[in-house]
Amino acid sequence: MQRTPIILALLIALTASAQSPKIETAFTNSLEMPFVRNASINALVCRYETRVKDYQAFATATNTDWKKPDFLQTPDHPAINLSFTEAQAFCEWLGKKEGRKYRLLTDAEWSLLAGLKENTDVAPKLQPVSTGIYHWGTAPLSSKVGNFCDEAFGKKYRASYDAKWLEIDDGFADTAPVGSYPADSNGLFDFAGNVWEWVAGWYDPPGNTLRIVRGGAFRTGGEKRLMASFRGPDPYDIHLDSVGFRIVCEKE
């Protein structure tokens, strides 16, 4: 019997809850975004990628236009089609609203959270390949590690997307509701997959022409792009349905 998407999503969410590390939420802000404390980067990191309902609050308050994707999303899906500049604007607005300092993870902080030991004096585009360390860590690829370009994606897009998808079925052809897969060792959900996340920093210093996305997305299936060291170089003003962002808080 074929499972419906709703039932499959529920089963994945229950599995995620059962397998996620027992890391307590440090605080929850006015948008009900939960944060965990992380000593390695001395900041509070949001457990979820910024959701549709989070960014919608900003868009409504600031009368900001926001293009929605061609596929269905709920308020709990990650907010996408947002540029680096718009991600920063969200952080500034939320900080002023709450009297806190919000920002994006830096590229170096993302690497630390991913367990990479990199020389910060080396430009992001020149960092060595993290052989054996993927966005989800060192475990074998499975349908539980995150939302990537899989068989569910292939079934939906095989006629229009020229790419090789992974031989797993994670249950979602497009974005998944945040928290649908187990959290990582830092207590973060979707740090691997679902959508690429904008991080602060330049891909190509000293030229400084491209920004950086990390973590992979539901469109990611190539071996190179699955490596934790992979950076997506993108213009600061690009809008993609596979790119969103995660925020950190410096002042509780």
Foldseek 3Di string as FASTA:
>chain_A
DDDDLVVLLVVLLVVQVVPADPFDFPDADPLRFTWGADPVVLFTWGQWFAFQLLVVVVCVVVVNDADDDPDDDDRQWHRFQFFLVSQQVSQVVVCVVGVFHKDFAAPVRLCVVQVHDWDPVDALLPTDFPPCRFLQGNDDDALQSEQAQAVQLCVVCVVPDPDDGDDYPNSDNAARRWSSHHGHPRSHTLSAERAWAWHDDARDPPVRAWGWTFHHYNHDHDPRNRTRSDIDTHGRGGGDSRYGHIMIINGD
